[in-house]
Amino acid sequence: MACSTDQHSNARFLDLNEEPHQVLLPIRGYAKEPLLPLEDAIQPINELLSDLDMMVDTAKSNSKKPVDGLSPNERAAIHLYTMQWEEPN
């Protein structure tokens, strides 16, 4: 296996020092909320992230094949959560 000398780092793994140093309570009650289409679910944060609509479209396009019992929106939400994002300008 070739070893890359590229020093590209992933910011998602470098923010450990910004995590709170306390035990956090679990999030409760979310299972009682209605499931929304992904486009509706992202509306509260749409203005905070550039190109979010494009990223949602990409996630939905890459999540069409049902193999896991999840809905298309559930698969796309997981895909969106795990996608690489450009650093904000």
N, C-alpha and C. Protein backbone atom coordinates (compact mmCIF):
# COMPACT_ATOMS: atom_id res chain seq x y z
N MET A 1 0.85 -1.17 0.00
CA MET A 1 0.00 0.00 0.00
C MET A 1 0.89 1.24 0.00
N ALA A 2 0.65 2.14 -0.91
CA ALA A 2 1.46 3.36 -1.02
C ALA A 2 1.12 4.31 0.12
N CYS A 3 2.11 5.02 0.56
CA CYS A 3 1.93 5.98 1.64
C CYS A 3 1.97 7.38 1.04
N SER A 4 0.97 8.17 1.33
CA SER A 4 0.89 9.51 0.77
C SER A 4 1.68 10.49 1.63
N THR A 5 2.34 11.42 0.99
CA THR A 5 3.05 12.47 1.72
C THR A 5 2.23 13.74 1.80
N ASP A 6 1.01 13.68 1.30
CA ASP A 6 0.11 14.83 1.34
C ASP A 6 -0.23 15.15 2.80
N GLN A 7 -0.02 16.38 3.19
CA GLN A 7 -0.28 16.78 4.57
C GLN A 7 -1.67 17.37 4.75
N HIS A 8 -2.58 17.07 3.83
CA HIS A 8 -3.95 17.56 3.94
C HIS A 8 -4.58 17.00 5.21
N SER A 9 -5.15 17.85 6.03
CA SER A 9 -5.77 17.37 7.26
C SER A 9 -7.26 17.63 7.23
N ASN A 10 -7.96 16.91 8.02
CA ASN A 10 -9.40 17.03 8.09
C ASN A 10 -9.75 17.77 9.37
N ALA A 11 -10.35 18.95 9.24
CA ALA A 11 -10.65 19.78 10.39
C ALA A 11 -11.65 19.12 11.34
N ARG A 12 -12.46 18.19 10.83
CA ARG A 12 -13.43 17.54 11.70
C ARG A 12 -12.75 16.76 12.82
N PHE A 13 -11.52 16.32 12.60
CA PHE A 13 -10.83 15.52 13.59
C PHE A 13 -9.86 16.34 14.43
N LEU A 14 -9.78 17.62 14.19
CA LEU A 14 -8.79 18.44 14.89
C LEU A 14 -9.40 19.38 15.92
N ASP A 15 -10.69 19.26 16.19
CA ASP A 15 -11.32 20.20 17.11
C ASP A 15 -11.62 19.58 18.47
N LEU A 16 -10.91 18.54 18.84
CA LEU A 16 -11.15 17.87 20.12
C LEU A 16 -10.97 18.82 21.29
N ASN A 17 -10.01 19.73 21.20
CA ASN A 17 -9.77 20.66 22.30
C ASN A 17 -10.92 21.65 22.48
N GLU A 18 -11.82 21.74 21.53
CA GLU A 18 -12.97 22.63 21.64
C GLU A 18 -14.18 21.92 22.24
N GLU A 19 -14.08 20.63 22.49
CA GLU A 19 -15.17 19.88 23.08
C GLU A 19 -15.29 20.25 24.56
N PRO A 20 -16.51 20.29 25.09
CA PRO A 20 -16.66 20.59 26.52
C PRO A 20 -16.07 19.47 27.37
N HIS A 21 -15.48 19.82 28.46
CA HIS A 21 -14.85 18.84 29.35
C HIS A 21 -15.82 18.49 30.48
N GLN A 22 -17.01 18.07 30.08
CA GLN A 22 -18.03 17.68 31.04
C GLN A 22 -18.95 16.65 30.40
N VAL A 23 -19.65 15.94 31.24
CA VAL A 23 -20.60 14.95 30.74
C VAL A 23 -21.85 15.71 30.29
N LEU A 24 -22.27 15.46 29.06
CA LEU A 24 -23.46 16.12 28.53
C LEU A 24 -24.66 15.20 28.64
N LEU A 25 -25.81 15.77 28.88
CA LEU A 25 -27.04 14.99 28.97
C LEU A 25 -27.44 14.51 27.58
N PRO A 26 -28.08 13.36 27.51
CA PRO A 26 -28.53 12.88 26.20
C PRO A 26 -29.65 13.76 25.65
N ILE A 27 -29.76 13.77 24.35
CA ILE A 27 -30.85 14.50 23.70
C ILE A 27 -32.08 13.61 23.78
N ARG A 28 -33.16 14.14 24.31
CA ARG A 28 -34.39 13.36 24.48
C ARG A 28 -35.54 14.01 23.72
N GLY A 29 -36.51 13.20 23.36
CA GLY A 29 -37.72 13.71 22.75
C GLY A 29 -37.68 13.85 21.24
N TYR A 30 -36.51 13.70 20.64
CA TYR A 30 -36.42 13.88 19.20
C TYR A 30 -37.20 12.82 18.43
N ALA A 31 -37.35 11.64 18.99
CA ALA A 31 -38.06 10.56 18.29
C ALA A 31 -39.55 10.86 18.15
N LYS A 32 -40.06 11.80 18.94
CA LYS A 32 -41.47 12.16 18.86
C LYS A 32 -41.73 13.22 17.79
N GLU A 33 -40.68 13.81 17.27
CA GLU A 33 -40.83 14.83 16.24
C GLU A 33 -41.17 14.18 14.90
N PRO A 34 -41.98 14.85 14.09
CA PRO A 34 -42.33 14.27 12.78
C PRO A 34 -41.11 14.28 11.85
N LEU A 35 -41.02 13.25 11.01
CA LEU A 35 -39.96 13.21 10.01
C LEU A 35 -40.33 14.15 8.88
N LEU A 36 -39.38 14.95 8.46
CA LEU A 36 -39.60 15.92 7.38
C LEU A 36 -38.76 15.53 6.18
N PRO A 37 -39.18 15.98 5.00
CA PRO A 37 -38.27 15.86 3.85
C PRO A 37 -36.98 16.63 4.18
N LEU A 38 -35.87 16.14 3.69
CA LEU A 38 -34.58 16.75 4.02
C LEU A 38 -34.54 18.23 3.66
N GLU A 39 -35.14 18.59 2.54
CA GLU A 39 -35.15 20.01 2.14
C GLU A 39 -35.86 20.88 3.18
N ASP A 40 -36.91 20.36 3.80
CA ASP A 40 -37.62 21.12 4.84
C ASP A 40 -36.82 21.13 6.15
N ALA A 41 -36.19 20.01 6.47
CA ALA A 41 -35.45 19.89 7.73
C ALA A 41 -34.25 20.84 7.79
N ILE A 42 -33.65 21.17 6.66
CA ILE A 42 -32.46 22.03 6.67
C ILE A 42 -32.80 23.52 6.66
N GLN A 43 -34.05 23.87 6.48
CA GLN A 43 -34.41 25.29 6.35
C GLN A 43 -33.91 26.16 7.50
N PRO A 44 -33.97 25.72 8.77
CA PRO A 44 -33.48 26.60 9.84
C PRO A 44 -31.98 26.93 9.75
N ILE A 45 -31.20 26.12 9.06
CA ILE A 45 -29.75 26.39 8.97
C ILE A 45 -29.31 26.73 7.56
N ASN A 46 -30.24 26.84 6.65
CA ASN A 46 -29.90 27.06 5.24
C ASN A 46 -29.09 28.34 5.03
N GLU A 47 -29.37 29.38 5.78
CA GLU A 47 -28.65 30.65 5.62
C GLU A 47 -27.26 30.61 6.28
N LEU A 48 -27.01 29.64 7.13
CA LEU A 48 -25.74 29.56 7.84
C LEU A 48 -24.64 28.89 7.04
N LEU A 49 -25.02 28.03 6.10
CA LEU A 49 -24.05 27.24 5.35
C LEU A 49 -24.19 27.51 3.86
N SER A 50 -23.11 27.95 3.24
CA SER A 50 -23.17 28.20 1.81
C SER A 50 -23.27 26.88 1.05
N ASP A 51 -23.97 26.89 -0.03
CA ASP A 51 -24.13 25.73 -0.91
C ASP A 51 -24.84 24.55 -0.25
N LEU A 52 -25.60 24.80 0.81
CA LEU A 52 -26.27 23.69 1.49
C LEU A 52 -27.27 23.00 0.56
N ASP A 53 -28.01 23.78 -0.22
CA ASP A 53 -28.97 23.17 -1.15
C ASP A 53 -28.26 22.25 -2.15
N MET A 54 -27.12 22.69 -2.65
CA MET A 54 -26.36 21.86 -3.58
C MET A 54 -25.86 20.58 -2.90
N MET A 55 -25.41 20.70 -1.65
CA MET A 55 -24.94 19.53 -0.91
C MET A 55 -26.08 18.55 -0.66
N VAL A 56 -27.28 19.07 -0.37
CA VAL A 56 -28.44 18.20 -0.17
C VAL A 56 -28.77 17.47 -1.47
N ASP A 57 -28.76 18.20 -2.59
CA ASP A 57 -29.01 17.56 -3.88
C ASP A 57 -28.00 16.46 -4.16
N THR A 58 -26.74 16.72 -3.86
CA THR A 58 -25.70 15.71 -4.06
C THR A 58 -25.93 14.51 -3.16
N ALA A 59 -26.25 14.76 -1.90
CA ALA A 59 -26.50 13.67 -0.96
C ALA A 59 -27.68 12.82 -1.42
N LYS A 60 -28.74 13.47 -1.89
CA LYS A 60 -29.91 12.71 -2.35
C LYS A 60 -29.59 11.92 -3.61
N SER A 61 -28.81 12.50 -4.50
CA SER A 61 -28.43 11.79 -5.73
C SER A 61 -27.57 10.57 -5.44
N ASN A 62 -26.73 10.66 -4.42
CA ASN A 62 -25.83 9.56 -4.08
C ASN A 62 -26.44 8.55 -3.12
N SER A 63 -27.70 8.73 -2.76
CA SER A 63 -28.33 7.86 -1.75
C SER A 63 -29.62 7.23 -2.26
N LYS A 64 -29.70 6.97 -3.54
CA LYS A 64 -30.96 6.49 -4.12
C LYS A 64 -31.19 5.00 -3.99
N LYS A 65 -30.15 4.20 -3.88
CA LYS A 65 -30.32 2.74 -3.89
C LYS A 65 -30.68 2.24 -2.50
N PRO A 66 -31.92 1.77 -2.30
CA PRO A 66 -32.31 1.29 -0.97
C PRO A 66 -31.71 -0.09 -0.67
N VAL A 67 -30.88 -0.15 0.34
CA VAL A 67 -30.28 -1.43 0.73
C VAL A 67 -30.36 -1.64 2.24
N ASP A 68 -30.91 -0.69 2.96
CA ASP A 68 -30.80 -0.72 4.41
C ASP A 68 -32.10 -0.51 5.17
N GLY A 69 -33.22 -0.41 4.47
CA GLY A 69 -34.50 -0.19 5.14
C GLY A 69 -34.75 1.25 5.54
N LEU A 70 -33.83 2.15 5.23
CA LEU A 70 -34.03 3.57 5.52
C LEU A 70 -34.77 4.24 4.38
N SER A 71 -35.44 5.34 4.70
CA SER A 71 -36.10 6.11 3.65
C SER A 71 -35.04 6.86 2.84
N PRO A 72 -35.39 7.30 1.64
CA PRO A 72 -34.42 8.10 0.86
C PRO A 72 -33.94 9.34 1.62
N ASN A 73 -34.84 10.00 2.35
CA ASN A 73 -34.44 11.18 3.12
C ASN A 73 -33.52 10.82 4.28
N GLU A 74 -33.75 9.68 4.92
CA GLU A 74 -32.87 9.25 6.01
C GLU A 74 -31.48 8.93 5.48
N ARG A 75 -31.42 8.21 4.36
CA ARG A 75 -30.12 7.89 3.76
C ARG A 75 -29.39 9.16 3.35
N ALA A 76 -30.13 10.09 2.74
CA ALA A 76 -29.50 11.34 2.29
C ALA A 76 -29.03 12.18 3.48
N ALA A 77 -29.77 12.18 4.58
CA ALA A 77 -29.36 12.94 5.77
C ALA A 77 -28.05 12.39 6.33
N ILE A 78 -27.92 11.07 6.38
CA ILE A 78 -26.68 10.46 6.86
C ILE A 78 -25.54 10.79 5.90
N HIS A 79 -25.82 10.70 4.62
CA HIS A 79 -24.79 11.02 3.62
C HIS A 79 -24.36 12.48 3.76
N LEU A 80 -25.32 13.39 3.92
CA LEU A 80 -25.02 14.81 4.08
C LEU A 80 -24.15 15.04 5.32
N TYR A 81 -24.47 14.36 6.40
CA TYR A 81 -23.72 14.51 7.66
C TYR A 81 -22.27 14.08 7.52
N THR A 82 -22.03 13.10 6.67
CA THR A 82 -20.67 12.56 6.55
C THR A 82 -19.88 13.13 5.38
N MET A 83 -20.46 14.06 4.62
CA MET A 83 -19.78 14.64 3.46
C MET A 83 -18.66 15.58 3.89
N GLN A 84 -17.64 15.69 3.05
CA GLN A 84 -16.57 16.68 3.24
C GLN A 84 -17.10 18.05 2.83
N TRP A 85 -16.83 19.05 3.63
CA TRP A 85 -17.26 20.42 3.34
C TRP A 85 -16.02 21.29 3.20
N GLU A 86 -16.12 22.27 2.34
CA GLU A 86 -15.04 23.25 2.20
C GLU A 86 -15.01 24.12 3.45
N GLU A 87 -13.84 24.60 3.79
CA GLU A 87 -13.71 25.54 4.90
C GLU A 87 -14.48 26.81 4.56
N PRO A 88 -15.20 27.40 5.52
CA PRO A 88 -15.92 28.65 5.24
C PRO A 88 -14.96 29.78 4.92
N ASN A 89 -15.37 30.64 4.01
CA ASN A 89 -14.53 31.78 3.62
C ASN A 89 -14.83 32.97 4.48
